[in-house]
Amino acid sequence: MSESCRLSYDNKIILAPMVRTGTLPMRLLALDYGADIVYCEELIDWKLLRSTRKENGMNKYILFEWISGPVASLVLNDSSQLTSDDQHLVYFQFFLSPEVLGTVDFIDQTDGSVVFRTCLREKPNVVLQIGTSCPERALKVAKLVENDVAAIDVNMGCPKEFSIKGGMGSALLSQPEKAQNILTTLVRGTKIPVTCKIRILPQLADTLELCHALARTGISAIAIHGRTREERPQHANHNDIIKAVAQCLDIPVIANGGSKEIDRYEDIATFKQATGCSSVMLARAAQWNCSVFRPDGKLPLDEVIVSYLRYAIEYDNSGSNTKYCVQNMLRELQETMRGKKFLETQTLEQMCSLWGLGEQCRQKQVEMKQRGLLGRRDVVPASLEPRLKKRKVEEGGDTVTELQCAFLRNVYGSDVELPKTRLLMWSRKNRVRQPEYNTVQEDKLFKSVVTVDGKKYSSSFWSVYIRQEKNKRWAEQGAALVCLWALGLESIETLSKHGCIL
C-alpha cells in the first residue's frame, strides 16, 4: 500500500472500540456525524480464525472521484483494490449478486452468527481491533482481513477477567516483550497500518518506558486510556500522564478516557488540548449520543435512535445487538413508558415499531429473504446454506413436518398461552398420548422434534445457545408451534404478524 493511501492518525476524532457497541450500524452512524476513524469492537483472534468470509453482494463497485469539476468513474471487480482514505473520494455501490447487503461478513461456523460485518463505505476508515496473546494467530487474523479494513489494532488495555486470563488485553502490559513481539510480527507481516491501545501503568516512568518500547516496533499510532487497569470510569482520567507520553513519542498518540469531560463537540478540542495528543478517541460519550461527533451540535436522542435503527434495518443487524445499543442510548429513559415497552421487545421489527419503523423493517427483511440473503433463521450446524420454508424430512425412517418458525417469548402474555401448554391441552382433550420432545444440541445450536399422535413436527429454525436450559425449552416451544400450525390451531397469518416467520 502506498504511503498516500495509508490511514493517517494525525488530528482525528475517533470512535473507540466498545464491546457490543462498535458494530456496523454504530460505526456508520459515527461516520455520518463526523468521526474520522471508527474502531470495531474487540474481536478475539480464535473466533475470527474459525469464521468463514462471505461476500454479500460485493461483486462490483463504481468509484467516483471528484476531479476539479467533472466526475470520472472506474469499475472495480475486486474490493481489495480500494485502499484509499482520501476524503475526496465518494463511493457508490451496485450489486450484481441476488444478495442485497453489500457487505463482507465473517461468520462463525459453530452458530452462524456474524463475528464481523463491514461494507465498502467504511473501508477507508474502519480499524479492526483484535484480542490476542499470540503473534502467529494475530498475523493470521491480519492476513484474513487486511483487504477489508483500513488498519489493525491490538487491544492491550482491556481489564476484563476474560481477557486477562487468556493473556490478552491489559495482561500484555506486564509482558512487554510479548506485546512487542505481537506488534513487530504484525508490522512486518501485513500491508496495512498497525496500532495498539493501552492503559497507563501506576508509575509514569513505567508508562513512558512501555510506550517507547511499543513505538519502536514500527506501529503507526498508540491509543492511551488514561486510567490504570484497576481503575474504573468513576475514577478521574489521568490527562497529565497521557500528555507526558504525547510529548516524548514521535508517533501520533490518541487520547482516550475523557467521556466524563465531553458532553458536546467543543469539549473534544478541550480534551485534546489537555492531553496534548494528536487525536481523540470517544467511547461512552459516543455510545450515549453518537451525534457528539457533529460540529454543529448534538441532535435530539430520538432522531439519533431512528438513524441508528435505519442502519440496523439496512444491514440486518441482530436484534440482541441492536437492543443493547439502544438501551445504552436510552439509559434512564428506559423507565419511561416507551422505554419499558422497548425492554419487552425481542425482534428488530418490534424495536423499530416503537419509533415508527416497524413496517420498513419487515419489508426489508422480506426483501432480503426473497433475494436469497442468509439470515439468522437460516443457520444450520453443518452448513450455512438456507433451508426451505416448509418441508418434510426423514428422521430415523419417520417423516418430520418442518416449518421455518421462531418461538418469541414476548408474543405470549401468560404460560397458559405458550405453544407447549396449548399442545398439551389439545392432546388431553383429544385423548391422545401427551407430546414427547427429543431435543439435540450441535455446536451452539438447539433443535427439537415433538411427537404427537404418532407424527413428528419440528422448526427448521435452530435455537442459538445463550443458556442451555433456556434454549432447550425454546427449541421445544418452536417444535410445538409448528405442530399447532399443522393441526390448524395456528395460522401462517398470525405467525407472520407476530414475527415468528417471514
Protein backbone atom coordinates (compact mmCIF):
# COMPACT_ATOMS: atom_id res chain seq x y z
CA MET A 1 0.00 0.00 0.00
CA SER A 2 1.39 3.41 -0.94
CA GLU A 3 2.02 5.90 1.85
CA SER A 4 -0.57 8.28 0.38
CA CYS A 5 -3.23 5.60 0.77
CA ARG A 6 -2.40 4.57 4.34
CA LEU A 7 -4.70 5.60 7.15
CA SER A 8 -3.43 8.69 8.95
CA TYR A 9 -3.90 9.14 12.71
CA ASP A 10 -2.99 12.83 12.84
CA ASN A 11 -5.66 15.27 14.02
CA LYS A 12 -8.51 12.74 14.01
CA ILE A 13 -11.69 12.25 16.04
CA ILE A 14 -12.24 8.55 16.53
CA LEU A 15 -14.97 6.16 17.63
CA ALA A 16 -13.38 3.92 20.25
CA PRO A 17 -13.62 0.12 20.25
CA MET A 18 -16.54 -0.82 22.51
CA VAL A 19 -17.75 -4.33 23.23
CA ARG A 20 -21.11 -4.98 21.52
CA THR A 21 -21.47 -1.30 20.61
CA GLY A 22 -18.93 -0.98 17.80
CA THR A 23 -20.87 -2.96 15.22
CA LEU A 24 -21.58 -1.74 11.69
CA PRO A 25 -24.68 0.45 12.34
CA MET A 26 -22.92 2.44 15.07
CA ARG A 27 -19.74 2.81 13.02
CA LEU A 28 -21.64 4.13 10.01
CA LEU A 29 -23.64 6.49 12.21
CA ALA A 30 -20.42 7.86 13.71
CA LEU A 31 -19.03 8.48 10.23
CA ASP A 32 -22.25 10.27 9.28
CA TYR A 33 -21.90 12.59 12.25
CA GLY A 34 -18.25 13.44 11.64
CA ALA A 35 -15.96 10.76 13.08
CA ASP A 36 -12.78 10.36 11.02
CA ILE A 37 -11.93 6.81 12.08
CA VAL A 38 -14.12 4.08 13.57
CA TYR A 39 -12.93 1.04 15.51
CA CYS A 40 -14.92 -2.17 15.68
CA GLU A 41 -15.46 -3.91 18.99
CA GLU A 42 -12.61 -6.12 20.17
CA LEU A 43 -12.71 -9.46 18.33
CA ILE A 44 -10.83 -12.42 19.77
CA ASP A 45 -8.31 -13.93 17.35
CA TRP A 46 -9.51 -17.54 17.54
CA LYS A 47 -13.11 -16.51 16.94
CA LEU A 48 -12.15 -14.78 13.70
CA LEU A 49 -9.95 -17.69 12.66
CA ARG A 50 -12.81 -20.16 12.94
CA SER A 51 -15.06 -17.92 10.85
CA THR A 52 -15.82 -18.04 7.14
CA ARG A 53 -15.50 -14.94 4.98
CA LYS A 54 -18.61 -14.30 2.89
CA GLU A 55 -19.36 -11.52 0.44
CA ASN A 56 -22.95 -10.30 0.40
CA GLY A 57 -23.24 -8.59 -2.97
CA MET A 58 -19.70 -7.17 -3.05
CA ASN A 59 -19.04 -8.26 -6.64
CA LYS A 60 -18.62 -4.88 -8.29
CA TYR A 61 -18.25 -1.27 -7.32
CA ILE A 62 -18.30 2.06 -9.06
CA LEU A 63 -15.79 4.53 -7.71
CA PHE A 64 -16.43 8.21 -8.38
CA GLU A 65 -13.66 10.72 -7.89
CA TRP A 66 -14.20 14.45 -7.90
CA ILE A 67 -11.54 15.95 -10.15
CA SER A 68 -11.94 19.74 -10.13
CA GLY A 69 -15.35 19.63 -11.74
CA PRO A 70 -16.31 16.60 -13.84
CA VAL A 71 -16.78 13.18 -12.30
CA ALA A 72 -14.66 10.29 -13.52
CA SER A 73 -15.74 6.71 -12.89
CA LEU A 74 -13.87 3.45 -12.60
CA VAL A 75 -15.35 -0.02 -12.30
CA LEU A 76 -13.51 -2.38 -9.99
CA ASN A 77 -14.10 -6.12 -9.78
CA ASP A 78 -12.28 -6.68 -6.50
CA SER A 79 -12.98 -4.75 -3.32
CA SER A 80 -9.39 -5.33 -2.21
CA GLN A 81 -8.29 -2.74 -4.78
CA LEU A 82 -9.98 0.02 -2.77
CA THR A 83 -7.43 1.20 -0.25
CA SER A 84 -7.50 4.99 -0.18
CA ASP A 85 -8.60 7.02 2.80
CA ASP A 86 -8.68 10.17 0.68
CA GLN A 87 -11.66 12.19 1.86
CA HIS A 88 -12.23 13.47 -1.69
CA LEU A 89 -13.33 10.03 -2.83
CA VAL A 90 -17.01 9.21 -2.76
CA TYR A 91 -18.00 5.56 -3.03
CA PHE A 92 -21.19 4.18 -4.52
CA GLN A 93 -22.13 0.52 -4.88
CA PHE A 94 -24.22 -1.56 -7.21
CA PHE A 95 -24.72 -5.26 -6.76
CA LEU A 96 -24.96 -7.99 -9.35
CA SER A 97 -25.49 -10.62 -6.68
CA PRO A 98 -29.04 -11.51 -5.62
CA GLU A 99 -27.90 -10.86 -2.06
CA VAL A 100 -28.56 -7.30 -1.09
CA LEU A 101 -26.49 -6.17 1.88
CA GLY A 102 -23.33 -5.14 0.06
CA THR A 103 -21.20 -6.34 2.97
CA VAL A 104 -18.28 -8.59 3.75
CA ASP A 105 -19.17 -10.92 6.62
CA PHE A 106 -17.03 -13.15 8.79
CA ILE A 107 -19.43 -15.83 10.00
CA ASP A 108 -18.86 -18.12 12.99
CA GLN A 109 -19.23 -21.65 11.65
CA THR A 110 -20.40 -23.02 15.01
CA ASP A 111 -23.58 -20.95 15.30
CA GLY A 112 -23.91 -18.86 12.14
CA SER A 113 -23.50 -15.57 14.00
CA VAL A 114 -21.79 -12.65 12.28
CA VAL A 115 -18.44 -12.10 14.01
CA PHE A 116 -17.59 -9.04 11.92
CA ARG A 117 -19.55 -7.25 9.22
CA THR A 118 -18.18 -4.39 7.16
CA CYS A 119 -19.03 -2.56 3.96
CA LEU A 120 -17.29 -0.56 1.28
CA ARG A 121 -18.37 2.80 2.62
CA GLU A 122 -16.39 2.43 5.85
CA LYS A 123 -13.41 0.64 4.35
CA PRO A 124 -11.08 3.68 4.27
CA ASN A 125 -11.92 4.46 7.91
CA VAL A 126 -12.51 1.23 9.81
CA VAL A 127 -9.97 -0.31 12.19
CA LEU A 128 -10.35 -3.90 13.32
CA GLN A 129 -9.28 -4.41 16.91
CA ILE A 130 -8.19 -7.89 17.91
CA GLY A 131 -7.72 -9.52 21.28
CA THR A 132 -4.70 -11.78 21.12
CA SER A 133 -1.81 -13.21 23.11
CA CYS A 134 -0.13 -14.97 20.20
CA PRO A 135 1.90 -13.30 17.40
CA GLU A 136 1.18 -16.12 14.95
CA ARG A 137 -2.59 -16.03 15.48
CA ALA A 138 -2.58 -12.25 15.32
CA LEU A 139 -0.85 -12.31 11.95
CA LYS A 140 -3.25 -14.92 10.59
CA VAL A 141 -6.15 -12.63 11.52
CA ALA A 142 -4.45 -9.64 9.91
CA LYS A 143 -3.90 -11.55 6.67
CA LEU A 144 -7.52 -12.70 6.76
CA VAL A 145 -8.96 -9.18 6.97
CA GLU A 146 -6.30 -6.86 5.51
CA ASN A 147 -8.18 -6.41 2.23
CA ASP A 148 -11.38 -5.43 4.04
CA VAL A 149 -10.25 -2.90 6.66
CA ALA A 150 -8.02 0.17 6.84
CA ALA A 151 -5.88 -0.90 9.82
CA ILE A 152 -5.38 -3.40 12.64
CA ASP A 153 -5.30 -2.54 16.35
CA VAL A 154 -4.21 -4.80 19.21
CA ASN A 155 -6.11 -4.48 22.48
CA MET A 156 -3.58 -4.16 25.29
CA GLY A 157 -5.78 -2.36 27.78
CA CYS A 158 -8.93 -4.39 28.46
CA PRO A 159 -9.11 -5.11 32.22
CA LYS A 160 -11.88 -7.73 31.97
CA GLU A 161 -11.18 -11.10 33.57
CA PHE A 162 -11.79 -12.98 30.31
CA SER A 163 -9.04 -11.06 28.53
CA ILE A 164 -6.57 -11.24 31.40
CA LYS A 165 -6.99 -15.00 31.89
CA GLY A 166 -6.35 -15.50 28.20
CA GLY A 167 -3.17 -13.45 28.37
CA MET A 168 -4.79 -10.72 26.29
CA GLY A 169 -5.78 -7.11 26.93
CA SER A 170 -4.15 -5.47 29.93
CA ALA A 171 -2.30 -8.72 30.75
CA LEU A 172 0.11 -7.69 27.99
CA LEU A 173 1.03 -4.53 29.93
CA SER A 174 3.04 -6.70 32.31
CA GLN A 175 4.56 -8.71 29.44
CA PRO A 176 6.21 -6.03 27.29
CA GLU A 177 8.37 -8.48 25.35
CA LYS A 178 5.33 -10.47 24.24
CA ALA A 179 3.49 -7.23 23.40
CA GLN A 180 6.45 -6.08 21.30
CA ASN A 181 6.65 -9.46 19.56
CA ILE A 182 2.97 -9.33 18.59
CA LEU A 183 3.25 -5.81 17.19
CA THR A 184 6.54 -6.45 15.38
CA THR A 185 5.09 -9.57 13.76
CA LEU A 186 2.05 -7.64 12.58
CA VAL A 187 4.00 -4.63 11.30
CA ARG A 188 6.33 -6.85 9.28
CA GLY A 189 3.66 -9.24 8.06
CA THR A 190 0.72 -7.10 6.98
CA LYS A 191 0.37 -4.33 4.42
CA ILE A 192 -1.96 -2.11 6.47
CA PRO A 193 -1.14 0.11 9.47
CA VAL A 194 -0.88 -1.46 12.92
CA THR A 195 -1.64 0.28 16.22
CA CYS A 196 -2.27 -0.69 19.82
CA LYS A 197 -4.47 0.61 22.62
CA ILE A 198 -3.19 0.52 26.19
CA ARG A 199 -3.95 1.73 29.70
CA ILE A 200 -1.44 3.64 31.79
CA LEU A 201 0.70 1.94 34.42
CA PRO A 202 0.68 3.11 38.06
CA GLN A 203 4.03 4.87 37.63
CA LEU A 204 4.72 7.48 34.95
CA ALA A 205 8.26 6.22 34.34
CA ASP A 206 6.98 2.70 33.66
CA THR A 207 4.31 4.04 31.32
CA LEU A 208 6.88 6.04 29.35
CA GLU A 209 9.25 3.07 29.13
CA LEU A 210 6.46 0.81 27.86
CA CYS A 211 5.27 3.32 25.26
CA HIS A 212 8.80 3.84 23.94
CA ALA A 213 9.21 0.07 23.60
CA LEU A 214 5.91 -0.32 21.76
CA ALA A 215 6.65 2.63 19.46
CA ARG A 216 9.95 1.03 18.42
CA THR A 217 8.04 -1.88 16.84
CA GLY A 218 7.03 0.37 13.96
CA ILE A 219 3.37 0.89 14.85
CA SER A 220 1.59 3.84 13.26
CA ALA A 221 -0.01 5.21 16.44
CA ILE A 222 -0.77 4.37 20.04
CA ALA A 223 -4.06 5.00 21.86
CA ILE A 224 -3.88 5.56 25.61
CA HIS A 225 -6.73 5.24 28.08
CA GLY A 226 -5.76 7.47 31.00
CA ARG A 227 -6.64 5.00 33.76
CA THR A 228 -4.83 2.00 35.18
CA ARG A 229 -6.32 -1.43 34.69
CA GLU A 230 -7.60 -1.35 38.30
CA GLU A 231 -9.40 1.97 37.82
CA ARG A 232 -12.94 2.34 36.52
CA PRO A 233 -14.97 5.14 34.86
CA GLN A 234 -15.76 6.79 38.21
CA HIS A 235 -12.05 7.48 38.67
CA ALA A 236 -10.53 10.60 37.14
CA ASN A 237 -8.73 10.22 33.82
CA HIS A 238 -5.01 10.97 34.15
CA ASN A 239 -4.72 13.51 31.36
CA ASP A 240 -1.31 14.62 32.62
CA ILE A 241 0.19 11.18 32.06
CA ILE A 242 -1.24 10.97 28.54
CA LYS A 243 0.27 14.41 27.87
CA ALA A 244 3.68 13.30 29.12
CA VAL A 245 3.60 10.34 26.74
CA ALA A 246 2.48 12.51 23.81
CA GLN A 247 5.38 14.88 24.40
CA CYS A 248 8.03 12.18 24.17
CA LEU A 249 6.83 9.99 21.28
CA ASP A 250 7.35 10.62 17.58
CA ILE A 251 4.19 8.75 16.51
CA PRO A 252 0.61 10.02 16.92
CA VAL A 253 -0.82 9.50 20.40
CA ILE A 254 -4.61 9.10 20.67
CA ALA A 255 -6.18 10.26 23.94
CA ASN A 256 -8.97 8.14 25.41
CA GLY A 257 -10.92 8.04 28.67
CA GLY A 258 -12.35 11.56 28.69
CA SER A 259 -16.06 10.87 28.22
CA LYS A 260 -16.86 12.35 31.64
CA GLU A 261 -15.40 15.61 30.34
CA ILE A 262 -17.11 15.51 26.94
CA ASP A 263 -20.76 16.44 26.55
CA ARG A 264 -20.61 18.38 23.28
CA TYR A 265 -18.39 18.72 20.24
CA GLU A 266 -16.45 21.69 21.62
CA ASP A 267 -15.36 19.59 24.61
CA ILE A 268 -13.40 17.30 22.29
CA ALA A 269 -10.95 20.10 21.48
CA THR A 270 -10.64 20.93 25.18
CA PHE A 271 -9.78 17.30 25.99
CA LYS A 272 -7.31 17.18 23.11
CA GLN A 273 -5.55 20.29 24.41
CA ALA A 274 -5.48 18.94 27.98
CA THR A 275 -3.77 15.75 26.83
CA GLY A 276 -1.54 17.31 24.17
CA CYS A 277 -2.40 14.49 21.78
CA SER A 278 -2.63 14.23 18.02
CA SER A 279 -6.13 12.76 18.14
CA VAL A 280 -9.03 11.98 20.46
CA MET A 281 -10.97 8.73 20.83
CA LEU A 282 -14.52 8.72 22.24
CA ALA A 283 -16.24 5.76 23.86
CA ARG A 284 -19.14 6.32 26.27
CA ALA A 285 -19.84 9.87 25.10
CA ALA A 286 -20.45 8.45 21.62
CA GLN A 287 -22.29 5.43 22.95
CA TRP A 288 -24.80 7.67 24.73
CA ASN A 289 -25.36 10.05 21.80
CA CYS A 290 -23.32 9.43 18.69
CA SER A 291 -24.11 12.89 17.32
CA VAL A 292 -21.49 14.25 19.74
CA PHE A 293 -19.22 13.99 16.67
CA ARG A 294 -21.25 16.72 14.91
CA PRO A 295 -19.51 20.12 14.68
CA ASP A 296 -22.99 21.68 14.52
CA GLY A 297 -24.02 20.19 17.85
CA LYS A 298 -25.80 17.13 19.19
CA LEU A 299 -29.17 16.04 17.84
CA PRO A 300 -32.22 15.00 19.89
CA LEU A 301 -31.83 11.43 21.09
CA ASP A 302 -34.94 10.16 19.27
CA GLU A 303 -33.50 11.39 15.98
CA VAL A 304 -30.24 9.59 16.68
CA ILE A 305 -32.06 6.36 17.60
CA VAL A 306 -34.13 6.48 14.40
CA SER A 307 -30.98 6.95 12.31
CA TYR A 308 -29.32 4.07 14.14
CA LEU A 309 -32.33 1.80 13.61
CA ARG A 310 -32.39 2.60 9.90
CA TYR A 311 -28.83 1.28 9.64
CA ALA A 312 -29.77 -1.74 11.75
CA ILE A 313 -32.57 -2.47 9.26
CA GLU A 314 -30.44 -1.81 6.19
CA TYR A 315 -27.61 -4.07 7.33
CA ASP A 316 -29.66 -6.80 9.03
CA ASN A 317 -28.15 -6.16 12.45
CA SER A 318 -29.07 -8.73 15.07
CA GLY A 319 -31.95 -7.88 17.36
CA SER A 320 -29.95 -8.57 20.51
CA ASN A 321 -27.10 -6.27 19.48
CA THR A 322 -29.50 -3.55 18.36
CA LYS A 323 -31.34 -3.76 21.67
CA TYR A 324 -28.11 -3.46 23.64
CA CYS A 325 -27.02 -0.36 21.73
CA VAL A 326 -30.37 1.41 22.02
CA GLN A 327 -30.54 0.58 25.73
CA ASN A 328 -27.23 2.36 26.21
CA MET A 329 -28.63 5.39 24.40
CA LEU A 330 -31.84 5.42 26.44
CA ARG A 331 -30.17 4.96 29.83
CA GLU A 332 -32.57 6.47 32.41
CA LEU A 333 -35.26 6.78 29.71
CA GLN A 334 -35.71 3.02 29.98
CA GLU A 335 -38.02 3.85 32.90
CA THR A 336 -40.43 5.76 30.63
CA MET A 337 -43.48 4.07 29.12
CA ARG A 338 -41.78 3.61 25.75
CA GLY A 339 -38.58 2.53 27.46
CA LYS A 340 -40.39 -0.22 29.32
CA LYS A 341 -42.10 -1.38 26.12
CA PHE A 342 -38.70 -1.42 24.45
CA LEU A 343 -37.27 -3.68 27.16
CA GLU A 344 -40.01 -6.22 26.39
CA THR A 345 -39.13 -6.46 22.68
CA GLN A 346 -37.33 -9.46 21.20
CA THR A 347 -37.12 -8.83 17.47
CA LEU A 348 -35.70 -6.00 15.42
CA GLU A 349 -39.15 -5.36 13.96
CA GLN A 350 -40.68 -4.98 17.42
CA MET A 351 -37.99 -2.48 18.41
CA CYS A 352 -38.36 -0.50 15.20
CA SER A 353 -42.14 -0.31 15.63
CA LEU A 354 -41.68 1.86 18.72
CA TRP A 355 -40.05 4.52 16.54
CA GLY A 356 -42.40 4.15 13.56
CA LEU A 357 -40.10 1.92 11.52
CA GLY A 358 -41.78 -1.46 12.01
CA GLU A 359 -43.22 -1.79 8.51
CA GLN A 360 -39.98 -0.62 6.91
CA CYS A 361 -38.11 -3.27 8.90
CA ARG A 362 -40.49 -6.04 7.90
CA GLN A 363 -40.46 -5.08 4.23
CA LYS A 364 -36.66 -5.07 4.23
CA GLN A 365 -36.49 -8.48 5.88
CA VAL A 366 -38.94 -9.95 3.38
CA GLU A 367 -36.99 -8.37 0.52
CA MET A 368 -33.73 -9.85 1.77
CA LYS A 369 -35.37 -13.24 2.20
CA GLN A 370 -36.76 -13.17 -1.33
CA ARG A 371 -33.36 -12.26 -2.75
CA GLY A 372 -31.65 -15.14 -1.04
CA LEU A 373 -29.88 -13.39 1.81
CA LEU A 374 -28.87 -15.81 4.55
CA GLY A 375 -30.28 -14.62 7.85
CA ARG A 376 -30.17 -15.88 11.41
CA ARG A 377 -33.22 -18.08 10.78
CA ASP A 378 -31.39 -19.98 8.05
CA VAL A 379 -28.49 -21.25 10.15
CA VAL A 380 -27.90 -24.99 10.45
CA PRO A 381 -24.88 -26.60 12.14
CA ALA A 382 -23.37 -28.50 9.24
CA SER A 383 -23.87 -25.85 6.58
CA LEU A 384 -24.73 -22.21 6.11
CA GLU A 385 -26.96 -22.99 3.15
CA PRO A 386 -30.61 -21.89 3.50
CA ARG A 387 -33.41 -24.28 4.38
CA LEU A 388 -36.78 -24.44 2.65
CA LYS A 389 -39.54 -22.58 4.39
CA LYS A 390 -41.86 -25.61 4.65
CA ARG A 391 -40.82 -29.18 4.05
CA LYS A 392 -40.93 -32.78 5.19
CA VAL A 393 -37.73 -34.56 6.20
CA GLU A 394 -36.80 -38.03 7.32
CA GLU A 395 -35.69 -38.82 10.88
CA GLY A 396 -34.99 -42.43 11.70
CA GLY A 397 -37.35 -43.55 8.97
CA ASP A 398 -40.16 -41.28 10.16
CA THR A 399 -41.42 -38.21 8.32
CA VAL A 400 -40.97 -34.91 10.16
CA THR A 401 -43.06 -31.91 9.15
CA GLU A 402 -40.99 -28.74 9.34
CA LEU A 403 -41.74 -25.03 9.19
CA GLN A 404 -39.14 -22.30 9.50
CA CYS A 405 -40.66 -20.74 12.58
CA ALA A 406 -39.07 -18.99 15.57
CA PHE A 407 -40.53 -19.02 19.08
CA LEU A 408 -40.70 -15.49 20.53
CA ARG A 409 -41.48 -15.44 24.24
CA ASN A 410 -42.86 -11.91 24.39
CA VAL A 411 -45.68 -12.79 21.98
CA TYR A 412 -47.36 -14.78 24.76
CA GLY A 413 -48.82 -12.99 27.76
CA SER A 414 -49.06 -15.96 30.14
CA ASP A 415 -47.78 -19.53 30.45
CA VAL A 416 -51.24 -20.84 29.51
CA GLU A 417 -50.81 -19.30 26.04
CA LEU A 418 -47.43 -20.93 25.38
CA PRO A 419 -47.31 -23.43 22.48
CA LYS A 420 -46.27 -26.37 24.67
CA THR A 421 -49.12 -25.71 27.10
CA ARG A 422 -51.68 -25.38 24.31
CA LEU A 423 -50.44 -28.56 22.64
CA LEU A 424 -50.61 -30.49 25.91
CA MET A 425 -54.18 -29.28 26.48
CA TRP A 426 -55.13 -30.29 22.92
CA SER A 427 -53.70 -33.79 23.37
CA ARG A 428 -55.63 -34.30 26.61
CA LYS A 429 -58.85 -33.02 25.08
CA ASN A 430 -58.46 -35.35 22.10
CA ARG A 431 -57.34 -38.30 24.27
CA VAL A 432 -54.01 -38.83 22.54
CA ARG A 433 -50.67 -39.53 24.15
CA GLN A 434 -49.08 -36.38 25.53
CA PRO A 435 -46.38 -34.77 23.37
CA GLU A 436 -42.85 -36.19 23.55
CA TYR A 437 -39.86 -33.94 22.81
CA ASN A 438 -36.48 -35.04 21.52
CA THR A 439 -34.03 -32.12 21.67
CA VAL A 440 -30.50 -32.19 20.30
CA GLN A 441 -27.59 -29.76 20.54
CA GLU A 442 -24.96 -29.30 17.84
CA ASP A 443 -22.24 -26.74 18.46
CA LYS A 444 -24.15 -23.79 19.95
CA LEU A 445 -27.49 -24.63 18.35
CA PHE A 446 -30.56 -26.47 19.62
CA LYS A 447 -33.35 -28.22 17.76
CA SER A 448 -36.33 -30.21 19.00
CA VAL A 449 -38.69 -32.71 17.37
CA VAL A 450 -42.07 -33.25 19.00
CA THR A 451 -44.09 -36.44 18.50
CA VAL A 452 -47.88 -36.09 18.73
CA ASP A 453 -50.34 -38.86 17.88
CA GLY A 454 -47.61 -40.79 16.07
CA LYS A 455 -46.50 -37.85 13.89
CA LYS A 456 -43.38 -35.69 14.21
CA TYR A 457 -43.01 -31.93 13.91
CA SER A 458 -40.08 -29.54 14.15
CA SER A 459 -38.98 -26.00 13.41
CA SER A 460 -36.08 -25.73 10.98
CA PHE A 461 -35.01 -22.68 12.97
CA TRP A 462 -32.18 -23.75 15.27
CA SER A 463 -32.32 -22.00 18.65
CA VAL A 464 -28.97 -20.33 19.33
CA TYR A 465 -27.14 -21.08 22.57
CA ILE A 466 -27.35 -18.41 25.25
CA ARG A 467 -28.13 -20.51 28.30
CA GLN A 468 -28.58 -24.23 27.78
CA GLU A 469 -31.76 -24.70 29.82
CA LYS A 470 -33.46 -21.67 28.29
CA ASN A 471 -32.71 -22.51 24.67
CA LYS A 472 -33.57 -26.17 25.06
CA ARG A 473 -37.01 -25.04 26.22
CA TRP A 474 -37.31 -22.51 23.41
CA ALA A 475 -36.44 -25.15 20.82
CA GLU A 476 -39.25 -27.31 22.25
CA GLN A 477 -41.66 -24.36 22.13
CA GLY A 478 -40.74 -23.87 18.46
CA ALA A 479 -41.48 -27.51 17.66
CA ALA A 480 -44.83 -27.26 19.48
CA LEU A 481 -45.66 -24.14 17.49
CA VAL A 482 -45.10 -25.99 14.21
CA CYS A 483 -47.35 -28.81 15.42
CA LEU A 484 -50.10 -26.31 16.30
CA TRP A 485 -49.83 -24.89 12.79
CA ALA A 486 -50.04 -28.37 11.22
CA LEU A 487 -53.11 -29.13 13.34
CA GLY A 488 -54.79 -25.95 12.13
CA LEU A 489 -54.57 -24.27 15.54
CA GLU A 490 -52.16 -21.56 14.35
CA SER A 491 -52.34 -19.72 11.05
CA ILE A 492 -49.49 -18.55 8.84
CA GLU A 493 -51.03 -15.07 9.00
CA THR A 494 -50.83 -14.97 12.81
CA LEU A 495 -47.29 -16.36 12.88
CA SER A 496 -46.26 -13.79 10.31
CA LYS A 497 -47.93 -10.95 12.19
CA HIS A 498 -46.04 -11.89 15.36
CA GLY A 499 -42.72 -12.07 13.51
CA CYS A 500 -42.31 -15.82 14.05
CA ILE A 501 -41.95 -16.37 10.31
CA LEU A 502 -41.11 -14.10 7.40
